Amino acid sequence: MRLHRAPRERPETYRLRTMNDETYTLVLDALVRHNPIGLSYEECSQRTPEVLAVSTRLEGARSVAAVQRILFEEHVRWFDAAAAGSLWRYRPIAADIWRGLRGSNQAPTETSRAGASTLAVASGG
């Protein structure tokens, strides 16, 4: 008997395919609620690429500061630095997302304030 192997998926494809819908919804809701770059309602409803990009990176986040950095970097990537604005604009959004992740046991406990210090140094703040 001959076994047929399924083709291997690229890691990014697999992550997108298996990403937790709860995380996606959490990120989308926070971005629409805070609307850090002032998008119209129609534009907010079309944020799938940015939300997917942020959601897939949250797996490695270990603090509010890490979530904040991810949000900022993805907004710079998908829009531009001028539209993204200041790193600190993303702090309340990151806090909401972190709280939601913690509430659903999808993220580890926040490490320490060292992450925030590192973030401040890295951003020149």
PDB file of N, CA and C in Angstrom:
ATOM      1  N   MET A   1       0.849  -1.188   0.000  1.00  0.00           N
ATOM      2  CA  MET A   1       0.000   0.000   0.000  1.00  0.00           C
ATOM      3  C   MET A   1       0.889   1.244   0.000  1.00  0.00           C
ATOM      4  N   ARG A   2       0.561   2.140  -0.835  1.00  0.00           N
ATOM      5  CA  ARG A   2       1.353   3.359  -0.986  1.00  0.00           C
ATOM      6  C   ARG A   2       0.644   4.523  -0.280  1.00  0.00           C
ATOM      7  N   LEU A   3       1.373   5.222   0.585  1.00  0.00           N
ATOM      8  CA  LEU A   3       0.807   6.373   1.303  1.00  0.00           C
ATOM      9  C   LEU A   3       1.025   7.637   0.483  1.00  0.00           C
ATOM     10  N   HIS A   4       0.013   8.457   0.464  1.00  0.00           N
ATOM     11  CA  HIS A   4       0.118   9.731  -0.242  1.00  0.00           C
ATOM     12  C   HIS A   4       0.283  10.836   0.795  1.00  0.00           C
ATOM     13  N   ARG A   5       1.361  11.558   0.695  1.00  0.00           N
ATOM     14  CA  ARG A   5       1.619  12.642   1.652  1.00  0.00           C
ATOM     15  C   ARG A   5       1.022  13.948   1.156  1.00  0.00           C
ATOM     16  N   ALA A   6       0.434  14.658   2.075  1.00  0.00           N
ATOM     17  CA  ALA A   6      -0.099  15.981   1.750  1.00  0.00           C
ATOM     18  C   ALA A   6       1.067  16.954   1.601  1.00  0.00           C
ATOM     19  N   PRO A   7       0.949  17.913   0.700  1.00  0.00           N
ATOM     20  CA  PRO A   7       2.029  18.899   0.562  1.00  0.00           C
ATOM     21  C   PRO A   7       2.186  19.698   1.852  1.00  0.00           C
ATOM     22  N   ARG A   8       3.418  20.083   2.135  1.00  0.00           N
ATOM     23  CA  ARG A   8       3.686  20.857   3.359  1.00  0.00           C
ATOM     24  C   ARG A   8       3.254  22.300   3.169  1.00  0.00           C
ATOM     25  N   GLU A   9       2.627  22.818   4.201  1.00  0.00           N
ATOM     26  CA  GLU A   9       2.226  24.228   4.167  1.00  0.00           C
ATOM     27  C   GLU A   9       3.383  25.089   4.648  1.00  0.00           C
ATOM     28  N   ARG A  10       3.455  26.288   4.124  1.00  0.00           N
ATOM     29  CA  ARG A  10       4.416  27.252   4.645  1.00  0.00           C
ATOM     30  C   ARG A  10       3.959  27.643   6.044  1.00  0.00           C
ATOM     31  N   PRO A  11       4.881  27.893   6.969  1.00  0.00           N
ATOM     32  CA  PRO A  11       4.490  28.236   8.348  1.00  0.00           C
ATOM     33  C   PRO A  11       3.523  29.421   8.423  1.00  0.00           C
ATOM     34  N   GLU A  12       3.746  30.443   7.609  1.00  0.00           N
ATOM     35  CA  GLU A  12       2.864  31.619   7.637  1.00  0.00           C
ATOM     36  C   GLU A  12       1.448  31.255   7.209  1.00  0.00           C
ATOM     37  N   THR A  13       1.317  30.436   6.187  1.00  0.00           N
ATOM     38  CA  THR A  13      -0.003  30.006   5.721  1.00  0.00           C
ATOM     39  C   THR A  13      -0.710  29.214   6.803  1.00  0.00           C
ATOM     40  N   TYR A  14       0.025  28.329   7.442  1.00  0.00           N
ATOM     41  CA  TYR A  14      -0.564  27.512   8.505  1.00  0.00           C
ATOM     42  C   TYR A  14      -1.041  28.388   9.653  1.00  0.00           C
ATOM     43  N   ARG A  15      -0.215  29.352  10.052  1.00  0.00           N
ATOM     44  CA  ARG A  15      -0.603  30.238  11.153  1.00  0.00           C
ATOM     45  C   ARG A  15      -1.861  31.015  10.825  1.00  0.00           C
ATOM     46  N   LEU A  16      -1.932  31.547   9.604  1.00  0.00           N
ATOM     47  CA  LEU A  16      -3.126  32.298   9.207  1.00  0.00           C
ATOM     48  C   LEU A  16      -4.359  31.398   9.176  1.00  0.00           C
ATOM     49  N   ARG A  17      -4.170  30.188   8.696  1.00  0.00           N
ATOM     50  CA  ARG A  17      -5.301  29.277   8.585  1.00  0.00           C
ATOM     51  C   ARG A  17      -5.810  28.844   9.951  1.00  0.00           C
ATOM     52  N   THR A  18      -4.925  28.692  10.908  1.00  0.00           N
ATOM     53  CA  THR A  18      -5.323  28.174  12.208  1.00  0.00           C
ATOM     54  C   THR A  18      -5.433  29.247  13.289  1.00  0.00           C
ATOM     55  N   MET A  19      -5.268  30.507  12.911  1.00  0.00           N
ATOM     56  CA  MET A  19      -5.309  31.581  13.896  1.00  0.00           C
ATOM     57  C   MET A  19      -6.634  31.596  14.641  1.00  0.00           C
ATOM     58  N   ASN A  20      -6.553  31.873  15.896  1.00  0.00           N
ATOM     59  CA  ASN A  20      -7.721  31.909  16.753  1.00  0.00           C
ATOM     60  C   ASN A  20      -8.640  33.068  16.355  1.00  0.00           C
ATOM     61  N   ASP A  21      -9.871  32.747  16.008  1.00  0.00           N
ATOM     62  CA  ASP A  21     -10.840  33.788  15.631  1.00  0.00           C
ATOM     63  C   ASP A  21     -11.061  34.789  16.751  1.00  0.00           C
ATOM     64  N   GLU A  22     -10.942  34.337  17.976  1.00  0.00           N
ATOM     65  CA  GLU A  22     -11.121  35.218  19.123  1.00  0.00           C
ATOM     66  C   GLU A  22     -10.057  36.320  19.144  1.00  0.00           C
ATOM     67  N   THR A  23      -8.826  35.961  18.828  1.00  0.00           N
ATOM     68  CA  THR A  23      -7.739  36.942  18.784  1.00  0.00           C
ATOM     69  C   THR A  23      -7.971  37.946  17.666  1.00  0.00           C
ATOM     70  N   TYR A  24      -8.356  37.458  16.510  1.00  0.00           N
ATOM     71  CA  TYR A  24      -8.645  38.335  15.377  1.00  0.00           C
ATOM     72  C   TYR A  24      -9.724  39.346  15.749  1.00  0.00           C
ATOM     73  N   THR A  25     -10.811  38.864  16.333  1.00  0.00           N
ATOM     74  CA  THR A  25     -11.932  39.735  16.726  1.00  0.00           C
ATOM     75  C   THR A  25     -11.496  40.739  17.787  1.00  0.00           C
ATOM     76  N   LEU A  26     -10.694  40.292  18.730  1.00  0.00           N
ATOM     77  CA  LEU A  26     -10.184  41.168  19.787  1.00  0.00           C
ATOM     78  C   LEU A  26      -9.381  42.325  19.197  1.00  0.00           C
ATOM     79  N   VAL A  27      -8.486  42.019  18.273  1.00  0.00           N
ATOM     80  CA  VAL A  27      -7.650  43.044  17.641  1.00  0.00           C
ATOM     81  C   VAL A  27      -8.513  43.988  16.801  1.00  0.00           C
ATOM     82  N   LEU A  28      -9.391  43.428  15.988  1.00  0.00           N
ATOM     83  CA  LEU A  28     -10.253  44.256  15.145  1.00  0.00           C
ATOM     84  C   LEU A  28     -11.107  45.193  15.987  1.00  0.00           C
ATOM     85  N   ASP A  29     -11.741  44.675  17.023  1.00  0.00           N
ATOM     86  CA  ASP A  29     -12.586  45.508  17.884  1.00  0.00           C
ATOM     87  C   ASP A  29     -11.792  46.652  18.518  1.00  0.00           C
ATOM     88  N   ALA A  30     -10.593  46.345  19.012  1.00  0.00           N
ATOM     89  CA  ALA A  30      -9.765  47.383  19.648  1.00  0.00           C
ATOM     90  C   ALA A  30      -9.358  48.453  18.642  1.00  0.00           C
ATOM     91  N   LEU A  31      -8.977  48.041  17.427  1.00  0.00           N
ATOM     92  CA  LEU A  31      -8.568  49.015  16.416  1.00  0.00           C
ATOM     93  C   LEU A  31      -9.738  49.871  15.944  1.00  0.00           C
ATOM     94  N   VAL A  32     -10.895  49.269  15.782  1.00  0.00           N
ATOM     95  CA  VAL A  32     -12.067  50.044  15.362  1.00  0.00           C
ATOM     96  C   VAL A  32     -12.485  51.001  16.478  1.00  0.00           C
ATOM     97  N   ARG A  33     -12.485  50.523  17.722  1.00  0.00           N
ATOM     98  CA  ARG A  33     -12.900  51.356  18.860  1.00  0.00           C
ATOM     99  C   ARG A  33     -11.967  52.552  19.045  1.00  0.00           C
ATOM    100  N   HIS A  34     -10.664  52.324  18.996  1.00  0.00           N
ATOM    101  CA  HIS A  34      -9.697  53.410  19.229  1.00  0.00           C
ATOM    102  C   HIS A  34      -9.365  54.188  17.957  1.00  0.00           C
ATOM    103  N   ASN A  35      -9.440  53.527  16.805  1.00  0.00           N
ATOM    104  CA  ASN A  35      -9.210  54.145  15.501  1.00  0.00           C
ATOM    105  C   ASN A  35      -8.001  55.096  15.511  1.00  0.00           C
ATOM    106  N   PRO A  36      -6.804  54.554  15.716  1.00  0.00           N
ATOM    107  CA  PRO A  36      -5.627  55.397  15.930  1.00  0.00           C
ATOM    108  C   PRO A  36      -5.221  56.276  14.754  1.00  0.00           C
ATOM    109  N   ILE A  37      -5.658  55.964  13.553  1.00  0.00           N
ATOM    110  CA  ILE A  37      -5.265  56.796  12.417  1.00  0.00           C
ATOM    111  C   ILE A  37      -6.453  57.475  11.754  1.00  0.00           C
ATOM    112  N   GLY A  38      -7.610  57.455  12.412  1.00  0.00           N
ATOM    113  CA  GLY A  38      -8.771  58.204  11.940  1.00  0.00           C
ATOM    114  C   GLY A  38      -9.395  57.697  10.653  1.00  0.00           C
ATOM    115  N   LEU A  39      -9.521  56.392  10.524  1.00  0.00           N
ATOM    116  CA  LEU A  39     -10.153  55.829   9.328  1.00  0.00           C
ATOM    117  C   LEU A  39     -11.666  56.025   9.361  1.00  0.00           C
ATOM    118  N   SER A  40     -12.272  56.088   8.187  1.00  0.00           N
ATOM    119  CA  SER A  40     -13.734  56.148   8.111  1.00  0.00           C
ATOM    120  C   SER A  40     -14.305  54.792   8.494  1.00  0.00           C
ATOM    121  N   TYR A  41     -15.600  54.721   8.713  1.00  0.00           N
ATOM    122  CA  TYR A  41     -16.248  53.465   9.082  1.00  0.00           C
ATOM    123  C   TYR A  41     -15.997  52.403   8.007  1.00  0.00           C
ATOM    124  N   GLU A  42     -16.138  52.782   6.752  1.00  0.00           N
ATOM    125  CA  GLU A  42     -15.931  51.828   5.656  1.00  0.00           C
ATOM    126  C   GLU A  42     -14.494  51.309   5.652  1.00  0.00           C
ATOM    127  N   GLU A  43     -13.537  52.211   5.874  1.00  0.00           N
ATOM    128  CA  GLU A  43     -12.133  51.802   5.904  1.00  0.00           C
ATOM    129  C   GLU A  43     -11.852  50.881   7.092  1.00  0.00           C
ATOM    130  N   CYS A  44     -12.489  51.167   8.223  1.00  0.00           N
ATOM    131  CA  CYS A  44     -12.297  50.324   9.405  1.00  0.00           C
ATOM    132  C   CYS A  44     -12.782  48.901   9.154  1.00  0.00           C
ATOM    133  N   SER A  45     -13.854  48.762   8.406  1.00  0.00           N
ATOM    134  CA  SER A  45     -14.399  47.432   8.157  1.00  0.00           C
ATOM    135  C   SER A  45     -13.549  46.642   7.166  1.00  0.00           C
ATOM    136  N   GLN A  46     -12.575  47.290   6.530  1.00  0.00           N
ATOM    137  CA  GLN A  46     -11.715  46.628   5.543  1.00  0.00           C
ATOM    138  C   GLN A  46     -10.289  46.470   6.049  1.00  0.00           C
ATOM    139  N   ARG A  47     -10.110  46.281   7.333  1.00  0.00           N
ATOM    140  CA  ARG A  47      -8.769  46.223   7.937  1.00  0.00           C
ATOM    141  C   ARG A  47      -8.208  44.818   8.032  1.00  0.00           C
ATOM    142  N   THR A  48      -8.770  43.867   7.327  1.00  0.00           N
ATOM    143  CA  THR A  48      -8.350  42.473   7.448  1.00  0.00           C
ATOM    144  C   THR A  48      -6.843  42.258   7.341  1.00  0.00           C
ATOM    145  N   PRO A  49      -6.142  42.817   6.351  1.00  0.00           N
ATOM    146  CA  PRO A  49      -4.693  42.549   6.262  1.00  0.00           C
ATOM    147  C   PRO A  49      -3.920  43.016   7.491  1.00  0.00           C
ATOM    148  N   GLU A  50      -4.217  44.209   7.978  1.00  0.00           N
ATOM    149  CA  GLU A  50      -3.511  44.719   9.146  1.00  0.00           C
ATOM    150  C   GLU A  50      -3.836  43.886  10.382  1.00  0.00           C
ATOM    151  N   VAL A  51      -5.109  43.547  10.533  1.00  0.00           N
ATOM    152  CA  VAL A  51      -5.532  42.769  11.703  1.00  0.00           C
ATOM    153  C   VAL A  51      -4.881  41.385  11.679  1.00  0.00           C
ATOM    154  N   LEU A  52      -4.817  40.759  10.516  1.00  0.00           N
ATOM    155  CA  LEU A  52      -4.143  39.463  10.400  1.00  0.00           C
ATOM    156  C   LEU A  52      -2.661  39.587  10.755  1.00  0.00           C
ATOM    157  N   ALA A  53      -2.026  40.646  10.255  1.00  0.00           N
ATOM    158  CA  ALA A  53      -0.601  40.846  10.521  1.00  0.00           C
ATOM    159  C   ALA A  53      -0.346  41.018  12.019  1.00  0.00           C
ATOM    160  N   VAL A  54      -1.151  41.842  12.670  1.00  0.00           N
ATOM    161  CA  VAL A  54      -1.002  42.057  14.111  1.00  0.00           C
ATOM    162  C   VAL A  54      -1.298  40.759  14.861  1.00  0.00           C
ATOM    163  N   SER A  55      -2.402  40.119  14.531  1.00  0.00           N
ATOM    164  CA  SER A  55      -2.833  38.915  15.241  1.00  0.00           C
ATOM    165  C   SER A  55      -1.796  37.805  15.199  1.00  0.00           C
ATOM    166  N   THR A  56      -1.186  37.610  14.054  1.00  0.00           N
ATOM    167  CA  THR A  56      -0.189  36.541  13.946  1.00  0.00           C
ATOM    168  C   THR A  56       1.064  36.848  14.757  1.00  0.00           C
ATOM    169  N   ARG A  57       1.380  38.107  14.919  1.00  0.00           N
ATOM    170  CA  ARG A  57       2.575  38.479  15.690  1.00  0.00           C
ATOM    171  C   ARG A  57       2.341  38.462  17.193  1.00  0.00           C
ATOM    172  N   LEU A  58       1.092  38.473  17.630  1.00  0.00           N
ATOM    173  CA  LEU A  58       0.797  38.515  19.067  1.00  0.00           C
ATOM    174  C   LEU A  58       1.243  37.254  19.789  1.00  0.00           C
ATOM    175  N   GLU A  59       1.408  36.183  19.058  1.00  0.00           N
ATOM    176  CA  GLU A  59       1.839  34.920  19.649  1.00  0.00           C
ATOM    177  C   GLU A  59       3.116  35.085  20.465  1.00  0.00           C
ATOM    178  N   GLY A  60       4.013  35.945  20.014  1.00  0.00           N
ATOM    179  CA  GLY A  60       5.280  36.149  20.706  1.00  0.00           C
ATOM    180  C   GLY A  60       5.256  37.276  21.728  1.00  0.00           C
ATOM    181  N   ALA A  61       4.149  37.976  21.865  1.00  0.00           N
ATOM    182  CA  ALA A  61       4.074  39.120  22.779  1.00  0.00           C
ATOM    183  C   ALA A  61       4.055  38.657  24.234  1.00  0.00           C
ATOM    184  N   ARG A  62       4.869  39.311  25.049  1.00  0.00           N
ATOM    185  CA  ARG A  62       4.965  38.944  26.461  1.00  0.00           C
ATOM    186  C   ARG A  62       4.592  40.086  27.401  1.00  0.00           C
ATOM    187  N   SER A  63       4.146  41.222  26.822  1.00  0.00           N
ATOM    188  CA  SER A  63       3.803  42.373  27.658  1.00  0.00           C
ATOM    189  C   SER A  63       2.959  43.361  26.858  1.00  0.00           C
ATOM    190  N   VAL A  64       2.382  44.319  27.565  1.00  0.00           N
ATOM    191  CA  VAL A  64       1.640  45.397  26.904  1.00  0.00           C
ATOM    192  C   VAL A  64       2.581  46.158  25.973  1.00  0.00           C
ATOM    193  N   ALA A  65       3.810  46.384  26.428  1.00  0.00           N
ATOM    194  CA  ALA A  65       4.786  47.111  25.609  1.00  0.00           C
ATOM    195  C   ALA A  65       5.070  46.379  24.299  1.00  0.00           C
ATOM    196  N   ALA A  66       5.121  45.060  24.345  1.00  0.00           N
ATOM    197  CA  ALA A  66       5.356  44.278  23.126  1.00  0.00           C
ATOM    198  C   ALA A  66       4.172  44.402  22.169  1.00  0.00           C
ATOM    199  N   VAL A  67       2.960  44.359  22.701  1.00  0.00           N
ATOM    200  CA  VAL A  67       1.759  44.519  21.871  1.00  0.00           C
ATOM    201  C   VAL A  67       1.749  45.912  21.260  1.00  0.00           C
ATOM    202  N   GLN A  68       2.107  46.907  22.044  1.00  0.00           N
ATOM    203  CA  GLN A  68       2.166  48.296  21.565  1.00  0.00           C
ATOM    204  C   GLN A  68       3.149  48.415  20.403  1.00  0.00           C
ATOM    205  N   ARG A  69       4.307  47.812  20.540  1.00  0.00           N
ATOM    206  CA  ARG A  69       5.330  47.865  19.492  1.00  0.00           C
ATOM    207  C   ARG A  69       4.816  47.187  18.213  1.00  0.00           C
ATOM    208  N   ILE A  70       4.158  46.050  18.360  1.00  0.00           N
ATOM    209  CA  ILE A  70       3.607  45.329  17.203  1.00  0.00           C
ATOM    210  C   ILE A  70       2.577  46.192  16.482  1.00  0.00           C
ATOM    211  N   LEU A  71       1.666  46.794  17.229  1.00  0.00           N
ATOM    212  CA  LEU A  71       0.638  47.660  16.628  1.00  0.00           C
ATOM    213  C   LEU A  71       1.286  48.808  15.857  1.00  0.00           C
ATOM    214  N   PHE A  72       2.236  49.465  16.488  1.00  0.00           N
ATOM    215  CA  PHE A  72       2.913  50.599  15.865  1.00  0.00           C
ATOM    216  C   PHE A  72       3.635  50.167  14.589  1.00  0.00           C
ATOM    217  N   GLU A  73       4.421  49.102  14.674  1.00  0.00           N
ATOM    218  CA  GLU A  73       5.182  48.652  13.506  1.00  0.00           C
ATOM    219  C   GLU A  73       4.275  48.268  12.343  1.00  0.00           C
ATOM    220  N   GLU A  74       3.180  47.613  12.634  1.00  0.00           N
ATOM    221  CA  GLU A  74       2.270  47.215  11.552  1.00  0.00           C
ATOM    222  C   GLU A  74       1.556  48.420  10.947  1.00  0.00           C
ATOM    223  N   HIS A  75       1.243  49.427  11.755  1.00  0.00           N
ATOM    224  CA  HIS A  75       0.616  50.630  11.194  1.00  0.00           C
ATOM    225  C   HIS A  75       1.597  51.396  10.312  1.00  0.00           C
ATOM    226  N   VAL A  76       2.854  51.447  10.710  1.00  0.00           N
ATOM    227  CA  VAL A  76       3.869  52.078   9.863  1.00  0.00           C
ATOM    228  C   VAL A  76       3.997  51.286   8.563  1.00  0.00           C
ATOM    229  N   ARG A  77       4.009  49.964   8.679  1.00  0.00           N
ATOM    230  CA  ARG A  77       4.158  49.100   7.499  1.00  0.00           C
ATOM    231  C   ARG A  77       2.983  49.234   6.535  1.00  0.00           C
ATOM    232  N   TRP A  78       1.748  49.228   7.056  1.00  0.00           N
ATOM    233  CA  TRP A  78       0.569  49.221   6.184  1.00  0.00           C
ATOM    234  C   TRP A  78       0.161  50.610   5.707  1.00  0.00           C
ATOM    235  N   PHE A  79       0.528  51.625   6.449  1.00  0.00           N
ATOM    236  CA  PHE A  79       0.177  52.992   6.061  1.00  0.00           C
ATOM    237  C   PHE A  79       1.482  53.735   5.802  1.00  0.00           C
ATOM    238  N   ASP A  80       1.926  54.550   6.717  1.00  0.00           N
ATOM    239  CA  ASP A  80       3.258  55.155   6.676  1.00  0.00           C
ATOM    240  C   ASP A  80       3.516  55.784   8.032  1.00  0.00           C
ATOM    241  N   ALA A  81       4.737  56.237   8.247  1.00  0.00           N
ATOM    242  CA  ALA A  81       5.110  56.758   9.562  1.00  0.00           C
ATOM    243  C   ALA A  81       4.278  57.978   9.951  1.00  0.00           C
ATOM    244  N   ALA A  82       4.006  58.843   9.003  1.00  0.00           N
ATOM    245  CA  ALA A  82       3.214  60.042   9.305  1.00  0.00           C
ATOM    246  C   ALA A  82       1.788  59.670   9.728  1.00  0.00           C
ATOM    247  N   ALA A  83       1.166  58.756   9.002  1.00  0.00           N
ATOM    248  CA  ALA A  83      -0.197  58.329   9.347  1.00  0.00           C
ATOM    249  C   ALA A  83      -0.210  57.558  10.664  1.00  0.00           C
ATOM    250  N   ALA A  84       0.807  56.735  10.895  1.00  0.00           N
ATOM    251  CA  ALA A  84       0.864  55.927  12.110  1.00  0.00           C
ATOM    252  C   ALA A  84       0.992  56.803  13.352  1.00  0.00           C
ATOM    253  N   GLY A  85       1.734  57.882  13.235  1.00  0.00           N
ATOM    254  CA  GLY A  85       1.898  58.781  14.375  1.00  0.00           C
ATOM    255  C   GLY A  85       2.867  58.226  15.406  1.00  0.00           C
ATOM    256  N   SER A  86       2.698  58.650  16.629  1.00  0.00           N
ATOM    257  CA  SER A  86       3.583  58.302  17.734  1.00  0.00           C
ATOM    258  C   SER A  86       3.355  56.876  18.229  1.00  0.00           C
ATOM    259  N   LEU A  87       4.424  56.265  18.671  1.00  0.00           N
ATOM    260  CA  LEU A  87       4.348  54.950  19.297  1.00  0.00           C
ATOM    261  C   LEU A  87       3.361  54.966  20.467  1.00  0.00           C
ATOM    262  N   TRP A  88       3.354  56.044  21.216  1.00  0.00           N
ATOM    263  CA  TRP A  88       2.524  56.108  22.431  1.00  0.00           C
ATOM    264  C   TRP A  88       1.033  56.171  22.120  1.00  0.00           C
ATOM    265  N   ARG A  89       0.665  56.489  20.897  1.00  0.00           N
ATOM    266  CA  ARG A  89      -0.726  56.484  20.473  1.00  0.00           C
ATOM    267  C   ARG A  89      -1.329  55.086  20.628  1.00  0.00           C
ATOM    268  N   TYR A  90      -0.490  54.059  20.578  1.00  0.00           N
ATOM    269  CA  TYR A  90      -0.950  52.673  20.578  1.00  0.00           C
ATOM    270  C   TYR A  90      -1.016  52.044  21.963  1.00  0.00           C
ATOM    271  N   ARG A  91      -0.628  52.779  22.994  1.00  0.00           N
ATOM    272  CA  ARG A  91      -0.615  52.232  24.359  1.00  0.00           C
ATOM    273  C   ARG A  91      -2.011  51.809  24.831  1.00  0.00           C
ATOM    274  N   PRO A  92      -3.049  52.661  24.708  1.00  0.00           N
ATOM    275  CA  PRO A  92      -4.373  52.241  25.189  1.00  0.00           C
ATOM    276  C   PRO A  92      -4.936  51.053  24.399  1.00  0.00           C
ATOM    277  N   ILE A  93      -4.631  50.996  23.110  1.00  0.00           N
ATOM    278  CA  ILE A  93      -5.095  49.878  22.280  1.00  0.00           C
ATOM    279  C   ILE A  93      -4.397  48.604  22.737  1.00  0.00           C
ATOM    280  N   ALA A  94      -3.091  48.706  22.947  1.00  0.00           N
ATOM    281  CA  ALA A  94      -2.312  47.554  23.400  1.00  0.00           C
ATOM    282  C   ALA A  94      -2.805  47.053  24.751  1.00  0.00           C
ATOM    283  N   ALA A  95      -3.134  47.984  25.643  1.00  0.00           N
ATOM    284  CA  ALA A  95      -3.636  47.593  26.963  1.00  0.00           C
ATOM    285  C   ALA A  95      -4.954  46.831  26.831  1.00  0.00           C
ATOM    286  N   ASP A  96      -5.839  47.294  25.970  1.00  0.00           N
ATOM    287  CA  ASP A  96      -7.113  46.596  25.742  1.00  0.00           C
ATOM    288  C   ASP A  96      -6.885  45.197  25.180  1.00  0.00           C
ATOM    289  N   ILE A  97      -6.004  45.097  24.199  1.00  0.00           N
ATOM    290  CA  ILE A  97      -5.727  43.795  23.583  1.00  0.00           C
ATOM    291  C   ILE A  97      -5.081  42.867  24.612  1.00  0.00           C
ATOM    292  N   TRP A  98      -4.115  43.383  25.366  1.00  0.00           N
ATOM    293  CA  TRP A  98      -3.440  42.564  26.374  1.00  0.00           C
ATOM    294  C   TRP A  98      -4.435  42.048  27.415  1.00  0.00           C
ATOM    295  N   ARG A  99      -5.314  42.938  27.856  1.00  0.00           N
ATOM    296  CA  ARG A  99      -6.338  42.547  28.836  1.00  0.00           C
ATOM    297  C   ARG A  99      -7.212  41.439  28.264  1.00  0.00           C
ATOM    298  N   GLY A 100      -7.595  41.578  26.992  1.00  0.00           N
ATOM    299  CA  GLY A 100      -8.412  40.559  26.346  1.00  0.00           C
ATOM    300  C   GLY A 100      -7.682  39.239  26.190  1.00  0.00           C
ATOM    301  N   LEU A 101      -6.414  39.298  25.833  1.00  0.00           N
ATOM    302  CA  LEU A 101      -5.617  38.074  25.703  1.00  0.00           C
ATOM    303  C   LEU A 101      -5.456  37.390  27.051  1.00  0.00           C
ATOM    304  N   ARG A 102      -5.213  38.172  28.061  1.00  0.00           N
ATOM    305  CA  ARG A 102      -5.047  37.620  29.413  1.00  0.00           C
ATOM    306  C   ARG A 102      -6.350  37.008  29.906  1.00  0.00           C
ATOM    307  N   GLY A 103      -7.460  37.657  29.583  1.00  0.00           N
ATOM    308  CA  GLY A 103      -8.756  37.156  30.020  1.00  0.00           C
ATOM    309  C   GLY A 103      -9.123  35.839  29.378  1.00  0.00           C
ATOM    310  N   SER A 104      -8.599  35.602  28.170  1.00  0.00           N
ATOM    311  CA  SER A 104      -8.911  34.354  27.474  1.00  0.00           C
ATOM    312  C   SER A 104      -7.770  33.352  27.586  1.00  0.00           C
ATOM    313  N   ASN A 105      -6.793  33.652  28.467  1.00  0.00           N
ATOM    314  CA  ASN A 105      -5.658  32.758  28.695  1.00  0.00           C
ATOM    315  C   ASN A 105      -4.853  32.471  27.435  1.00  0.00           C
ATOM    316  N   GLN A 106      -4.772  33.441  26.529  1.00  0.00           N
ATOM    317  CA  GLN A 106      -4.000  33.247  25.306  1.00  0.00           C
ATOM    318  C   GLN A 106      -2.616  33.864  25.399  1.00  0.00           C
ATOM    319  N   ALA A 107      -2.340  34.552  26.478  1.00  0.00           N
ATOM    320  CA  ALA A 107      -1.033  35.197  26.602  1.00  0.00           C
ATOM    321  C   ALA A 107      -0.456  34.897  27.971  1.00  0.00           C
ATOM    322  N   PRO A 108       0.859  34.841  28.079  1.00  0.00           N
ATOM    323  CA  PRO A 108       1.480  34.635  29.381  1.00  0.00           C
ATOM    324  C   PRO A 108       1.340  35.884  30.233  1.00  0.00           C
ATOM    325  N   THR A 109       1.655  35.775  31.498  1.00  0.00           N
ATOM    326  CA  THR A 109       1.556  36.935  32.370  1.00  0.00           C
ATOM    327  C   THR A 109       2.565  37.985  31.955  1.00  0.00           C
ATOM    328  N   GLU A 110       2.241  39.236  32.222  1.00  0.00           N
ATOM    329  CA  GLU A 110       3.157  40.322  31.859  1.00  0.00           C
ATOM    330  C   GLU A 110       4.433  40.168  32.662  1.00  0.00           C
ATOM    331  N   THR A 111       5.555  40.281  32.006  1.00  0.00           N
ATOM    332  CA  THR A 111       6.836  40.012  32.641  1.00  0.00           C
ATOM    333  C   THR A 111       7.190  41.070  33.677  1.00  0.00           C
ATOM    334  N   SER A 112       7.621  42.216  33.248  1.00  0.00           N
ATOM    335  CA  SER A 112       8.007  43.257  34.197  1.00  0.00           C
ATOM    336  C   SER A 112       7.981  44.596  33.498  1.00  0.00           C
ATOM    337  N   ARG A 113       8.307  45.612  34.226  1.00  0.00           N
ATOM    338  CA  ARG A 113       8.366  46.940  33.627  1.00  0.00           C
ATOM    339  C   ARG A 113       9.626  47.111  32.787  1.00  0.00           C
ATOM    340  N   ALA A 114      10.506  46.138  32.808  1.00  0.00           N
ATOM    341  CA  ALA A 114      11.727  46.211  32.003  1.00  0.00           C
ATOM    342  C   ALA A 114      11.396  46.314  30.524  1.00  0.00           C
ATOM    343  N   GLY A 115      10.331  45.628  30.088  1.00  0.00           N
ATOM    344  CA  GLY A 115       9.921  45.704  28.691  1.00  0.00           C
ATOM    345  C   GLY A 115       9.553  47.115  28.302  1.00  0.00           C
ATOM    346  N   ALA A 116       8.862  47.832  29.184  1.00  0.00           N
ATOM    347  CA  ALA A 116       8.472  49.208  28.889  1.00  0.00           C
ATOM    348  C   ALA A 116       9.705  50.101  28.834  1.00  0.00           C
ATOM    349  N   SER A 117      10.700  49.865  29.711  1.00  0.00           N
ATOM    350  CA  SER A 117      11.924  50.653  29.689  1.00  0.00           C
ATOM    351  C   SER A 117      12.664  50.427  28.376  1.00  0.00           C
ATOM    352  N   THR A 118      12.760  49.175  27.973  1.00  0.00           N
ATOM    353  CA  THR A 118      13.425  48.847  26.716  1.00  0.00           C
ATOM    354  C   THR A 118      12.718  49.511  25.551  1.00  0.00           C
ATOM    355  N   LEU A 119      11.372  49.480  25.580  1.00  0.00           N
ATOM    356  CA  LEU A 119      10.579  50.096  24.539  1.00  0.00           C
ATOM    357  C   LEU A 119      10.857  51.595  24.481  1.00  0.00           C
ATOM    358  N   ALA A 120      10.914  52.242  25.636  1.00  0.00           N
ATOM    359  CA  ALA A 120      11.155  53.687  25.665  1.00  0.00           C
ATOM    360  C   ALA A 120      12.522  54.017  25.082  1.00  0.00           C
ATOM    361  N   VAL A 121      13.529  53.214  25.428  1.00  0.00           N
ATOM    362  CA  VAL A 121      14.867  53.448  24.904  1.00  0.00           C
ATOM    363  C   VAL A 121      14.897  53.215  23.400  1.00  0.00           C
ATOM    364  N   ALA A 122      14.260  52.118  22.956  1.00  0.00           N
ATOM    365  CA  ALA A 122      14.266  51.769  21.535  1.00  0.00           C
ATOM    366  C   ALA A 122      13.552  52.812  20.683  1.00  0.00           C
ATOM    367  N   SER A 123      12.544  53.462  21.257  1.00  0.00           N
ATOM    368  CA  SER A 123      11.787  54.437  20.492  1.00  0.00           C
ATOM    369  C   SER A 123      12.323  55.858  20.677  1.00  0.00           C
ATOM    370  N   GLY A 124      13.370  55.987  21.484  1.00  0.00           N
ATOM    371  CA  GLY A 124      13.949  57.300  21.706  1.00  0.00           C
ATOM    372  C   GLY A 124      13.190  58.091  22.742  1.00  0.00           C
ATOM    373  N   GLY A 125      12.299  57.427  23.495  1.00  0.00           N
ATOM    374  CA  GLY A 125      11.455  58.116  24.467  1.00  0.00           C
ATOM    375  C   GLY A 125      11.913  58.042  25.847  1.00  0.00           C
TER     376      GLY A 125
END
